[in-house]
N, C-alpha and C. Protein backbone atom coordinates (compact mmCIF):
# COMPACT_ATOMS: atom_id res chain seq x y z
N MET A 1 -5.44 -4.78 130.16
CA MET A 1 -4.54 -5.85 130.06
C MET A 1 -3.15 -5.40 130.45
N GLY A 2 -2.72 -4.31 129.87
CA GLY A 2 -1.32 -3.73 129.91
C GLY A 2 -0.36 -4.26 128.96
N GLU A 3 0.75 -3.51 128.80
CA GLU A 3 1.56 -3.81 127.77
C GLU A 3 2.43 -5.10 128.08
N LYS A 4 2.83 -5.90 126.89
CA LYS A 4 3.64 -7.11 127.54
C LYS A 4 4.88 -7.16 126.59
N MET A 5 5.73 -7.86 126.85
CA MET A 5 6.92 -8.11 126.20
C MET A 5 7.53 -9.41 126.37
N LYS A 6 8.38 -9.88 125.51
CA LYS A 6 9.00 -11.13 125.62
C LYS A 6 10.43 -11.16 126.22
N ILE A 7 10.76 -12.10 127.14
CA ILE A 7 11.80 -12.34 127.53
C ILE A 7 12.46 -13.88 127.03
N ALA A 8 13.78 -14.11 127.08
CA ALA A 8 14.42 -15.21 126.63
C ALA A 8 14.92 -16.09 127.93
N ILE A 9 14.56 -17.14 128.31
CA ILE A 9 15.01 -17.86 129.56
C ILE A 9 15.65 -19.08 129.14
N THR A 10 16.79 -19.23 129.97
CA THR A 10 17.69 -20.58 129.57
C THR A 10 18.34 -20.87 130.78
N PRO A 11 18.69 -22.35 131.10
CA PRO A 11 19.49 -22.72 132.14
C PRO A 11 21.01 -22.43 131.89
N LYS A 12 21.74 -22.51 133.00
CA LYS A 12 23.13 -21.99 132.96
C LYS A 12 23.77 -23.17 131.99
N ILE A 13 24.77 -22.92 131.46
CA ILE A 13 25.80 -23.73 130.51
C ILE A 13 26.31 -24.74 131.53
N GLN A 14 26.14 -25.92 131.34
CA GLN A 14 26.57 -27.04 132.19
C GLN A 14 26.80 -28.35 131.57
N ILE A 15 27.36 -29.14 132.29
CA ILE A 15 27.49 -30.60 131.66
C ILE A 15 26.29 -31.31 131.60
N GLY A 16 26.00 -31.92 130.34
CA GLY A 16 24.84 -32.50 130.10
C GLY A 16 23.88 -31.65 129.33
N GLY A 17 24.23 -30.49 129.02
CA GLY A 17 23.58 -29.67 128.15
C GLY A 17 22.47 -28.64 128.60
N SER A 18 21.40 -28.33 127.90
CA SER A 18 20.47 -27.44 128.32
C SER A 18 19.34 -28.08 129.30
N ILE A 19 19.66 -28.02 130.53
CA ILE A 19 18.84 -28.90 131.33
C ILE A 19 18.13 -28.03 132.56
N PHE A 20 16.61 -27.91 132.41
CA PHE A 20 15.89 -27.50 133.33
C PHE A 20 15.43 -28.37 134.29
N THR A 21 15.24 -28.06 135.76
CA THR A 21 14.95 -29.01 136.77
C THR A 21 13.47 -28.80 136.65
N PRO A 22 12.74 -29.76 137.36
CA PRO A 22 11.30 -29.79 137.46
C PRO A 22 10.85 -28.49 138.29
N ASP A 23 11.73 -28.16 139.23
CA ASP A 23 11.37 -26.97 140.06
C ASP A 23 11.58 -25.72 139.35
N GLN A 24 12.59 -25.64 138.52
CA GLN A 24 12.72 -24.51 137.62
C GLN A 24 11.29 -24.38 136.52
N LEU A 25 11.08 -25.67 136.08
CA LEU A 25 9.92 -25.34 135.11
C LEU A 25 8.67 -24.98 135.88
N ILE A 26 8.37 -25.53 137.05
CA ILE A 26 7.23 -25.10 137.85
C ILE A 26 7.30 -23.48 138.14
N LYS A 27 8.45 -23.10 138.51
CA LYS A 27 8.55 -21.74 138.94
C LYS A 27 8.46 -20.87 137.66
N ILE A 28 8.91 -21.24 136.51
CA ILE A 28 8.40 -20.31 135.35
C ILE A 28 7.03 -20.24 134.99
N GLY A 29 6.33 -21.38 135.10
CA GLY A 29 4.92 -21.35 134.99
C GLY A 29 4.21 -20.31 136.07
N ASN A 30 4.55 -20.68 137.15
CA ASN A 30 4.12 -19.73 138.35
C ASN A 30 4.37 -18.33 138.15
N VAL A 31 5.61 -17.84 137.82
CA VAL A 31 6.00 -16.56 137.65
C VAL A 31 5.27 -15.79 136.63
N VAL A 32 5.48 -16.38 135.19
CA VAL A 32 4.93 -15.78 134.15
C VAL A 32 3.41 -15.72 134.00
N GLY A 33 2.79 -16.82 134.75
CA GLY A 33 1.07 -16.80 134.89
C GLY A 33 0.65 -17.78 133.86
N GLU A 34 -0.70 -18.15 134.23
CA GLU A 34 -1.39 -19.17 133.38
C GLU A 34 -1.58 -18.79 132.02
N GLU A 35 -1.85 -17.61 131.80
CA GLU A 35 -2.30 -17.21 130.50
C GLU A 35 -0.96 -16.87 129.58
N ALA A 36 0.14 -16.71 129.99
CA ALA A 36 1.44 -16.63 129.26
C ALA A 36 1.66 -17.43 128.22
N LYS A 37 2.13 -16.90 127.05
CA LYS A 37 2.73 -17.88 126.00
C LYS A 37 4.08 -18.20 126.33
N ILE A 38 4.37 -19.46 126.09
CA ILE A 38 5.86 -19.80 126.37
C ILE A 38 6.23 -20.64 125.00
N GLU A 39 7.20 -20.24 124.45
CA GLU A 39 7.68 -20.83 123.18
C GLU A 39 9.08 -21.56 123.21
N MET A 40 9.10 -22.62 122.90
CA MET A 40 10.67 -23.36 122.75
C MET A 40 11.11 -22.88 121.49
N THR A 41 12.29 -22.21 121.41
CA THR A 41 12.85 -21.70 120.28
C THR A 41 13.98 -22.72 119.70
N PRO A 42 14.60 -22.76 118.55
CA PRO A 42 15.56 -23.62 118.04
C PRO A 42 16.92 -23.30 118.61
N PHE A 43 17.05 -22.21 119.42
CA PHE A 43 18.49 -21.76 119.87
C PHE A 43 18.44 -22.15 121.30
N LYS A 44 17.68 -23.18 121.88
CA LYS A 44 17.61 -23.45 123.22
C LYS A 44 17.29 -22.46 124.26
N GLN A 45 16.37 -21.54 123.86
CA GLN A 45 15.76 -20.70 124.77
C GLN A 45 14.32 -20.78 124.80
N LEU A 46 13.70 -20.45 126.09
CA LEU A 46 12.41 -20.48 126.01
C LEU A 46 11.89 -18.80 125.98
N TYR A 47 11.02 -18.41 125.09
CA TYR A 47 10.50 -17.17 125.21
C TYR A 47 9.19 -17.20 125.96
N ALA A 48 9.10 -16.30 126.66
CA ALA A 48 7.88 -16.08 127.58
C ALA A 48 7.43 -14.76 127.52
N GLU A 49 6.18 -14.59 127.26
CA GLU A 49 5.44 -13.25 127.30
C GLU A 49 5.09 -12.67 128.67
N ILE A 50 5.44 -11.80 129.17
CA ILE A 50 5.32 -11.17 130.51
C ILE A 50 4.64 -9.83 130.42
N PRO A 51 4.13 -9.35 131.54
CA PRO A 51 3.73 -7.90 131.61
C PRO A 51 5.06 -6.95 131.79
N LEU A 52 5.02 -6.10 130.90
CA LEU A 52 6.19 -5.12 131.14
C LEU A 52 6.46 -4.50 132.25
N ASP A 53 5.40 -4.18 133.22
CA ASP A 53 5.52 -3.51 134.40
C ASP A 53 6.07 -4.54 135.51
N ARG A 54 6.14 -5.86 135.16
CA ARG A 54 6.45 -6.76 136.01
C ARG A 54 7.96 -7.39 135.65
N ARG A 55 8.43 -6.66 134.53
CA ARG A 55 9.64 -7.39 134.01
C ARG A 55 10.88 -7.65 135.03
N GLU A 56 11.22 -6.63 135.73
CA GLU A 56 12.16 -6.66 137.01
C GLU A 56 12.01 -7.73 138.02
N ALA A 57 10.89 -7.80 138.33
CA ALA A 57 10.50 -8.79 139.60
C ALA A 57 10.54 -9.99 138.91
N ILE A 58 9.92 -10.31 137.61
CA ILE A 58 10.10 -11.81 137.23
C ILE A 58 11.49 -12.09 136.87
N GLU A 59 12.25 -11.39 136.45
CA GLU A 59 13.57 -11.71 135.97
C GLU A 59 14.36 -11.98 137.35
N GLU A 60 14.06 -11.29 138.33
CA GLU A 60 14.87 -11.48 139.61
C GLU A 60 14.57 -12.79 140.21
N GLU A 61 13.22 -13.07 140.14
CA GLU A 61 12.72 -14.50 140.53
C GLU A 61 13.33 -15.62 139.79
N LEU A 62 13.39 -15.48 138.47
CA LEU A 62 13.88 -16.58 137.66
C LEU A 62 15.49 -16.80 137.84
N LYS A 63 16.23 -15.48 138.17
CA LYS A 63 17.66 -15.69 138.31
C LYS A 63 17.71 -16.22 139.68
N LEU A 64 17.05 -16.08 140.60
CA LEU A 64 17.34 -16.65 142.07
C LEU A 64 17.31 -18.31 141.98
N ILE A 65 16.55 -18.74 140.99
CA ILE A 65 16.52 -20.24 140.79
C ILE A 65 17.46 -20.82 139.83
N GLY A 66 18.54 -20.07 139.61
CA GLY A 66 19.59 -20.51 138.56
C GLY A 66 19.19 -20.47 137.21
N LEU A 67 18.20 -19.54 136.76
CA LEU A 67 18.13 -19.50 135.29
C LEU A 67 18.59 -18.19 134.81
N GLU A 68 18.86 -18.13 133.58
CA GLU A 68 19.40 -16.90 132.97
C GLU A 68 18.50 -16.16 132.24
N VAL A 69 18.28 -15.03 132.13
CA VAL A 69 17.20 -14.05 131.43
C VAL A 69 17.90 -13.09 130.41
N TYR A 70 17.47 -13.20 129.12
CA TYR A 70 18.14 -12.29 128.24
C TYR A 70 16.93 -11.61 127.36
N PRO A 71 17.37 -10.56 126.53
CA PRO A 71 16.36 -9.93 125.63
C PRO A 71 15.89 -11.04 124.54
N SER A 72 14.86 -10.89 123.85
CA SER A 72 14.37 -11.62 122.96
C SER A 72 14.69 -10.74 121.51
N GLY A 73 14.32 -11.42 120.45
CA GLY A 73 14.34 -10.64 119.15
C GLY A 73 15.75 -10.36 118.55
N TYR A 74 15.99 -9.28 118.08
CA TYR A 74 17.33 -9.04 117.38
C TYR A 74 18.44 -8.81 118.25
N THR A 75 19.13 -9.87 118.75
CA THR A 75 20.24 -9.85 119.64
C THR A 75 20.97 -11.14 119.32
N THR A 76 22.34 -11.09 120.11
CA THR A 76 23.00 -12.39 119.93
C THR A 76 22.33 -13.30 120.98
N LYS A 77 22.09 -14.38 120.68
CA LYS A 77 21.38 -15.29 121.59
C LYS A 77 22.47 -16.03 122.61
N SER A 78 22.01 -16.50 123.73
CA SER A 78 22.86 -17.17 124.50
C SER A 78 23.61 -18.23 123.89
N LEU A 79 24.89 -18.59 124.20
CA LEU A 79 25.75 -19.54 123.63
C LEU A 79 24.91 -20.94 123.43
N ILE A 80 24.99 -21.44 122.20
CA ILE A 80 24.48 -22.76 121.89
C ILE A 80 25.51 -23.67 122.08
N ALA A 81 25.60 -24.34 123.26
CA ALA A 81 26.86 -25.16 123.58
C ALA A 81 26.50 -26.71 123.49
N CYS A 82 27.75 -27.44 123.46
CA CYS A 82 27.63 -28.92 123.51
C CYS A 82 27.24 -29.41 124.80
N ASN A 83 27.35 -30.77 125.11
CA ASN A 83 26.82 -31.33 126.46
C ASN A 83 28.16 -31.54 127.33
N PHE A 84 29.33 -31.33 126.70
CA PHE A 84 30.48 -31.42 127.46
C PHE A 84 30.75 -32.91 127.81
N CYS A 85 30.64 -33.74 126.95
CA CYS A 85 30.71 -35.17 127.24
C CYS A 85 32.05 -35.53 127.77
N ARG A 86 33.20 -34.80 127.26
CA ARG A 86 34.47 -35.04 127.55
C ARG A 86 34.97 -34.65 128.80
N GLY A 87 33.90 -33.97 129.66
CA GLY A 87 34.37 -33.55 130.76
C GLY A 87 34.46 -31.95 130.84
N ALA A 88 34.38 -31.32 132.08
CA ALA A 88 34.47 -29.82 132.13
C ALA A 88 35.82 -29.29 131.73
N GLU A 89 36.87 -29.83 132.27
CA GLU A 89 38.19 -29.28 131.93
C GLU A 89 38.53 -29.67 130.46
N GLU A 90 38.22 -30.73 129.98
CA GLU A 90 38.81 -31.13 128.55
C GLU A 90 38.04 -30.40 127.43
N ALA A 91 36.70 -30.16 127.88
CA ALA A 91 35.69 -29.67 126.85
C ALA A 91 35.51 -28.07 126.93
N GLY A 92 36.31 -27.57 128.03
CA GLY A 92 36.34 -26.01 128.09
C GLY A 92 34.96 -25.47 128.65
N LEU A 93 34.35 -26.05 129.70
CA LEU A 93 33.25 -25.46 130.28
C LEU A 93 33.43 -24.21 130.87
N GLU A 94 34.51 -23.84 131.68
CA GLU A 94 34.74 -22.46 132.00
C GLU A 94 34.82 -21.52 130.92
N THR A 95 35.41 -21.87 129.80
CA THR A 95 35.61 -21.00 128.63
C THR A 95 34.22 -20.77 128.13
N ALA A 96 33.54 -21.74 128.00
CA ALA A 96 32.03 -21.41 127.34
C ALA A 96 31.19 -20.56 128.24
N ILE A 97 31.40 -20.58 129.43
CA ILE A 97 30.68 -19.82 130.53
C ILE A 97 31.08 -18.35 130.31
N LYS A 98 32.35 -18.09 130.26
CA LYS A 98 32.83 -16.78 130.00
C LYS A 98 32.56 -16.28 128.79
N LEU A 99 32.52 -17.03 127.75
CA LEU A 99 32.18 -16.63 126.31
C LEU A 99 30.54 -16.03 126.32
N ASN A 100 29.82 -16.91 126.97
CA ASN A 100 28.40 -16.67 126.97
C ASN A 100 28.07 -15.37 127.76
N GLN A 101 28.87 -15.24 128.76
CA GLN A 101 28.64 -13.90 129.68
C GLN A 101 29.05 -12.58 128.94
N ALA A 102 29.92 -12.66 127.94
CA ALA A 102 30.46 -11.67 127.15
C ALA A 102 29.52 -11.41 125.90
N ILE A 103 28.85 -12.27 125.50
CA ILE A 103 28.31 -12.17 124.19
C ILE A 103 26.78 -12.19 124.19
N ALA A 104 26.14 -12.87 124.98
CA ALA A 104 24.65 -12.96 125.06
C ALA A 104 24.00 -11.82 125.19
N GLY A 105 22.97 -11.36 124.34
CA GLY A 105 21.93 -10.39 124.65
C GLY A 105 22.38 -9.03 123.89
N ILE A 106 23.56 -9.00 123.10
CA ILE A 106 23.92 -7.85 122.37
C ILE A 106 23.16 -7.60 121.29
N GLU A 107 22.46 -6.21 121.04
CA GLU A 107 21.64 -5.94 120.10
C GLU A 107 22.44 -5.93 118.62
N THR A 108 21.77 -6.62 117.70
CA THR A 108 22.23 -6.83 116.39
C THR A 108 21.17 -6.60 115.43
N PRO A 109 21.79 -6.18 114.15
CA PRO A 109 20.73 -6.06 112.96
C PRO A 109 19.80 -7.33 112.79
N THR A 110 20.24 -8.58 112.83
CA THR A 110 19.27 -9.64 112.90
C THR A 110 19.81 -10.70 113.91
N PRO A 111 19.11 -11.70 114.38
CA PRO A 111 19.50 -12.56 115.58
C PRO A 111 20.65 -13.08 115.15
N ILE A 112 21.75 -13.22 115.86
CA ILE A 112 22.88 -14.01 115.85
C ILE A 112 22.99 -15.16 116.72
N LYS A 113 23.16 -16.33 116.15
CA LYS A 113 23.39 -17.80 116.99
C LYS A 113 24.98 -17.91 116.90
N ILE A 114 25.33 -18.23 118.08
CA ILE A 114 26.70 -18.42 118.42
C ILE A 114 26.92 -19.73 119.01
N GLY A 115 27.68 -20.80 118.41
CA GLY A 115 27.82 -22.03 118.92
C GLY A 115 29.19 -22.39 119.57
N TYR A 116 29.04 -23.45 120.33
CA TYR A 116 30.23 -23.81 121.08
C TYR A 116 30.35 -25.43 121.06
N ALA A 117 31.61 -25.90 120.55
CA ALA A 117 31.76 -27.37 120.74
C ALA A 117 32.90 -27.65 121.48
N GLY A 118 32.92 -28.29 122.45
CA GLY A 118 34.18 -28.98 123.23
C GLY A 118 35.10 -29.64 122.65
N CYS A 119 34.87 -30.12 121.39
CA CYS A 119 35.77 -31.07 120.71
C CYS A 119 35.42 -31.17 119.25
N ALA A 120 36.24 -31.83 118.39
CA ALA A 120 35.94 -31.79 117.05
C ALA A 120 34.69 -32.66 116.64
N LEU A 121 34.10 -33.45 117.55
CA LEU A 121 32.97 -34.11 117.35
C LEU A 121 31.84 -33.19 116.92
N GLY A 122 31.73 -32.03 117.37
CA GLY A 122 30.77 -31.02 117.10
C GLY A 122 29.25 -31.35 117.32
N THR A 123 29.02 -31.95 118.62
CA THR A 123 27.66 -32.62 118.76
C THR A 123 26.64 -31.46 118.77
N SER A 124 27.22 -30.14 119.05
CA SER A 124 26.18 -28.96 119.17
C SER A 124 25.94 -28.40 117.57
N GLU A 125 26.48 -29.10 116.63
CA GLU A 125 26.42 -28.65 115.27
C GLU A 125 26.82 -27.21 115.02
N PRO A 126 28.00 -27.00 115.59
CA PRO A 126 28.57 -25.52 115.41
C PRO A 126 28.69 -24.98 114.08
N LEU A 127 29.03 -25.77 113.00
CA LEU A 127 29.05 -25.22 111.76
C LEU A 127 27.82 -24.75 111.08
N LEU A 128 26.71 -24.82 111.76
CA LEU A 128 25.41 -24.39 111.27
C LEU A 128 24.93 -23.23 111.85
N LYS A 129 25.78 -22.62 112.68
CA LYS A 129 25.78 -21.27 113.38
C LYS A 129 26.39 -20.19 112.78
N ASP A 130 26.01 -18.93 112.83
CA ASP A 130 26.55 -17.85 112.48
C ASP A 130 27.92 -17.52 112.81
N ILE A 131 28.32 -17.74 114.08
CA ILE A 131 29.70 -17.86 114.49
C ILE A 131 29.82 -18.99 115.21
N SER A 132 30.88 -19.76 115.33
CA SER A 132 31.08 -20.88 116.05
C SER A 132 32.61 -21.04 116.60
N VAL A 133 32.80 -21.57 117.76
CA VAL A 133 33.93 -21.94 118.34
C VAL A 133 34.09 -23.37 118.62
N VAL A 134 35.17 -23.98 117.98
CA VAL A 134 35.38 -25.36 118.34
C VAL A 134 36.74 -25.64 119.09
N LYS A 135 36.57 -26.24 120.21
CA LYS A 135 37.86 -26.52 120.95
C LYS A 135 38.62 -27.64 120.23
N MET A 136 39.92 -27.32 120.13
CA MET A 136 40.95 -28.44 119.45
C MET A 136 42.14 -28.56 120.36
N ARG A 137 41.79 -29.63 121.33
CA ARG A 137 42.83 -29.88 122.34
C ARG A 137 42.94 -28.45 123.35
N ASN A 138 44.19 -27.86 123.22
CA ASN A 138 44.38 -26.63 124.08
C ASN A 138 44.22 -25.31 123.28
N THR A 139 43.61 -25.16 122.13
CA THR A 139 43.35 -24.25 121.34
C THR A 139 41.92 -24.08 120.77
N PHE A 140 41.74 -23.03 120.13
CA PHE A 140 40.17 -22.95 119.57
C PHE A 140 40.35 -22.49 118.03
N ASP A 141 39.33 -23.08 117.31
CA ASP A 141 39.21 -22.72 115.97
C ASP A 141 37.80 -21.84 115.73
N ILE A 142 37.70 -20.61 114.91
CA ILE A 142 36.41 -19.98 114.89
C ILE A 142 36.16 -20.06 113.54
N PHE A 143 34.87 -20.31 113.23
CA PHE A 143 34.09 -20.49 111.96
C PHE A 143 32.98 -19.36 111.91
N VAL A 144 32.79 -18.92 110.71
CA VAL A 144 31.58 -18.05 110.44
C VAL A 144 30.74 -18.22 109.26
N GLY A 145 29.53 -17.72 109.19
CA GLY A 145 28.78 -17.94 108.20
C GLY A 145 27.92 -19.16 108.01
N GLY A 146 27.70 -19.76 108.99
CA GLY A 146 26.76 -21.08 108.97
C GLY A 146 25.34 -20.39 108.74
N GLU A 147 24.49 -21.43 107.99
CA GLU A 147 23.09 -20.97 107.78
C GLU A 147 22.21 -22.09 107.69
N PRO A 148 21.41 -22.74 108.53
CA PRO A 148 20.76 -23.94 108.62
C PRO A 148 19.50 -23.76 107.92
N LYS A 149 18.80 -22.60 107.65
CA LYS A 149 17.49 -22.57 107.12
C LYS A 149 17.56 -22.56 105.68
N GLY A 150 16.42 -22.98 105.04
CA GLY A 150 16.38 -23.03 103.65
C GLY A 150 16.72 -24.40 102.90
N LEU A 151 16.45 -24.49 101.81
CA LEU A 151 17.02 -25.83 101.19
C LEU A 151 18.54 -25.88 100.78
N LYS A 152 18.97 -24.67 100.81
CA LYS A 152 20.61 -24.84 100.57
C LYS A 152 21.31 -24.23 101.78
N THR A 153 21.47 -25.41 102.72
CA THR A 153 22.21 -25.28 104.01
C THR A 153 23.75 -24.73 103.71
N VAL A 154 24.07 -23.62 104.52
CA VAL A 154 25.56 -23.20 104.15
C VAL A 154 26.26 -23.65 105.56
N ILE A 155 27.43 -24.31 105.26
CA ILE A 155 28.22 -24.74 106.31
C ILE A 155 29.30 -23.44 106.57
N ALA A 156 29.32 -23.18 107.88
CA ALA A 156 30.31 -22.18 108.30
C ALA A 156 31.81 -22.36 107.72
N LYS A 157 32.46 -21.34 107.42
CA LYS A 157 33.79 -21.31 106.92
C LYS A 157 34.93 -21.00 108.10
N LEU A 158 35.91 -21.75 108.13
CA LEU A 158 37.09 -21.41 108.94
C LEU A 158 37.54 -20.13 108.97
N LEU A 159 37.43 -19.35 110.05
CA LEU A 159 38.12 -18.03 109.85
C LEU A 159 39.42 -17.90 110.53
N LEU A 160 39.63 -18.46 111.73
CA LEU A 160 40.78 -18.43 112.50
C LEU A 160 41.08 -19.76 113.09
N SER A 161 42.37 -20.25 113.32
CA SER A 161 42.66 -21.44 113.94
C SER A 161 43.73 -21.23 115.01
N GLY A 162 43.83 -21.95 115.93
CA GLY A 162 44.90 -22.16 116.99
C GLY A 162 44.83 -20.87 117.98
N LEU A 163 43.67 -20.35 118.13
CA LEU A 163 43.48 -19.35 119.13
C LEU A 163 43.70 -19.76 120.63
N THR A 164 44.18 -18.91 121.58
CA THR A 164 44.17 -19.16 122.83
C THR A 164 42.85 -18.78 123.49
N GLU A 165 42.69 -19.21 124.61
CA GLU A 165 41.42 -18.96 125.40
C GLU A 165 41.31 -17.21 125.55
N GLU A 166 42.45 -16.64 125.74
CA GLU A 166 42.35 -15.28 126.17
C GLU A 166 42.04 -14.34 124.98
N LYS A 167 42.03 -14.99 123.79
CA LYS A 167 41.88 -14.26 122.63
C LYS A 167 40.44 -14.27 122.15
N LEU A 168 39.73 -15.39 122.76
CA LEU A 168 38.24 -15.63 122.26
C LEU A 168 37.41 -14.71 122.40
N VAL A 169 37.07 -14.14 123.52
CA VAL A 169 36.20 -13.05 123.73
C VAL A 169 36.49 -11.81 123.00
N PRO A 170 37.74 -11.18 122.90
CA PRO A 170 38.05 -10.07 122.09
C PRO A 170 37.82 -10.34 120.58
N VAL A 171 38.08 -11.44 120.01
CA VAL A 171 37.95 -11.92 118.72
C VAL A 171 36.39 -11.78 118.33
N ILE A 172 35.73 -12.58 119.12
CA ILE A 172 34.27 -12.86 119.11
C ILE A 172 33.49 -11.43 119.09
N THR A 173 33.85 -10.51 119.96
CA THR A 173 33.13 -9.39 120.18
C THR A 173 33.61 -8.40 119.03
N ALA A 174 34.86 -8.39 118.62
CA ALA A 174 35.22 -7.59 117.38
C ALA A 174 34.36 -7.96 116.12
N ILE A 175 34.17 -9.19 115.80
CA ILE A 175 33.25 -9.62 114.79
C ILE A 175 31.93 -9.29 114.93
N ILE A 176 31.30 -9.38 116.15
CA ILE A 176 29.89 -8.79 116.26
C ILE A 176 29.90 -7.39 116.08
N ASP A 177 30.74 -6.68 116.63
CA ASP A 177 30.82 -5.07 116.51
C ASP A 177 30.89 -4.66 115.00
N PHE A 178 31.85 -5.50 114.34
CA PHE A 178 32.06 -5.13 112.82
C PHE A 178 30.77 -5.46 112.11
N TYR A 179 29.97 -6.45 112.43
CA TYR A 179 28.77 -6.85 111.85
C TYR A 179 27.74 -5.57 111.97
N LYS A 180 27.69 -5.23 113.35
CA LYS A 180 26.59 -4.15 113.75
C LYS A 180 26.98 -2.82 112.95
N GLU A 181 28.22 -2.53 112.74
CA GLU A 181 28.63 -1.32 112.14
C GLU A 181 28.38 -1.21 110.57
N ASN A 182 28.55 -2.34 110.08
CA ASN A 182 28.58 -2.48 108.61
C ASN A 182 27.59 -3.33 107.96
N ALA A 183 26.78 -3.86 108.58
CA ALA A 183 25.57 -4.54 108.03
C ALA A 183 24.64 -3.70 107.17
N LYS A 184 24.14 -3.91 106.20
CA LYS A 184 23.14 -3.28 105.38
C LYS A 184 21.76 -3.44 105.86
N GLY A 185 21.33 -2.65 106.50
CA GLY A 185 19.71 -2.89 107.01
C GLY A 185 19.86 -4.09 107.88
N LYS A 186 18.70 -4.97 107.73
CA LYS A 186 18.64 -6.31 108.39
C LYS A 186 19.47 -7.39 107.63
N GLU A 187 20.49 -7.27 107.28
CA GLU A 187 21.16 -8.11 106.51
C GLU A 187 21.51 -9.38 107.36
N LYS A 188 21.25 -10.65 106.87
CA LYS A 188 21.68 -11.85 107.77
C LYS A 188 23.18 -11.85 107.85
N PHE A 189 23.63 -12.48 108.89
CA PHE A 189 24.96 -12.66 109.12
C PHE A 189 25.84 -13.34 107.88
N SER A 190 24.98 -14.46 107.48
CA SER A 190 25.85 -15.37 106.55
C SER A 190 26.06 -14.40 105.08
N LYS A 191 24.99 -13.62 104.67
CA LYS A 191 25.03 -12.94 103.66
C LYS A 191 26.16 -11.70 103.77
N PHE A 192 26.10 -11.39 105.04
CA PHE A 192 27.24 -10.36 105.46
C PHE A 192 28.60 -10.83 105.26
N VAL A 193 28.90 -12.14 105.65
CA VAL A 193 30.10 -12.79 105.47
C VAL A 193 30.50 -12.98 104.11
N ASP A 194 29.51 -13.33 103.29
CA ASP A 194 29.81 -13.50 101.88
C ASP A 194 30.15 -12.11 101.21
N ARG A 195 29.40 -11.10 101.57
CA ARG A 195 29.57 -9.65 100.82
C ARG A 195 31.04 -9.20 101.28
N ILE A 196 31.36 -9.18 102.71
CA ILE A 196 32.58 -8.56 103.10
C ILE A 196 33.70 -9.22 102.89
N THR A 197 33.63 -10.56 102.82
CA THR A 197 34.63 -11.61 102.53
C THR A 197 35.36 -11.95 103.91
N LEU A 198 35.98 -13.13 103.94
CA LEU A 198 36.60 -13.74 105.13
C LEU A 198 37.87 -12.86 105.33
N ASP A 199 38.49 -12.46 104.32
CA ASP A 199 39.81 -11.69 104.37
C ASP A 199 39.62 -10.48 105.31
N GLN A 200 38.52 -9.71 105.01
CA GLN A 200 38.10 -8.40 105.76
C GLN A 200 37.81 -8.68 107.10
N ILE A 201 37.06 -9.78 107.36
CA ILE A 201 36.88 -10.10 108.87
C ILE A 201 38.16 -10.48 109.62
N LYS A 202 38.97 -11.33 108.80
CA LYS A 202 40.11 -11.69 109.69
C LYS A 202 41.01 -10.65 110.03
N GLN A 203 40.97 -9.43 109.16
CA GLN A 203 41.70 -8.33 109.63
C GLN A 203 41.16 -7.61 110.87
N ILE A 204 39.96 -7.69 110.85
CA ILE A 204 39.23 -7.21 111.84
C ILE A 204 39.58 -8.02 113.45
N ALA A 205 39.36 -9.28 113.07
CA ALA A 205 39.55 -10.10 114.18
C ALA A 205 40.72 -10.66 114.52
N GLY A 206 41.80 -10.31 113.58
CA GLY A 206 43.06 -10.78 113.99
C GLY A 206 43.82 -9.68 114.66
């Protein structure tokens, strides 16, 4: 049968949210094969099991039809963004795309979910993510430590406010790097935030 692996498939960040076209869904089925297992994850990615020796060819075919492909497992997930209901410019669509390009697919001690909301309505539920960015008119607020699982939901805490667009990627990547370097084994990010404290993370991110 040959060795298999999982890849994560997602549509591009766009107005309207995570939208697959019928042609893309058909192509996914054709490319991965009839016997492949395809899982819908809670972070808006499809996990598909594919033959390891066909990985590059399959990824290339999916990218040619406008899909994005990332590693599965213990990585930063592709950005979980809102639907940009206030429009591309006001809600910061280009900013979200740039942030996703910078952070998606980084190996981490445990999976990291990063959320983005284009306004304070927060329709993408950003405060339930490990790290979240909320656009507030012309600046951005960053929250950390959200945890949706279990009976005791944890709301993310405000880390920084009033950031300019230019500072977003450096700050988020600094937080991820700090977590990678200082996590204890497979320590969840929310537990890491509690142990390290917001003050220490602010020093790294600031």
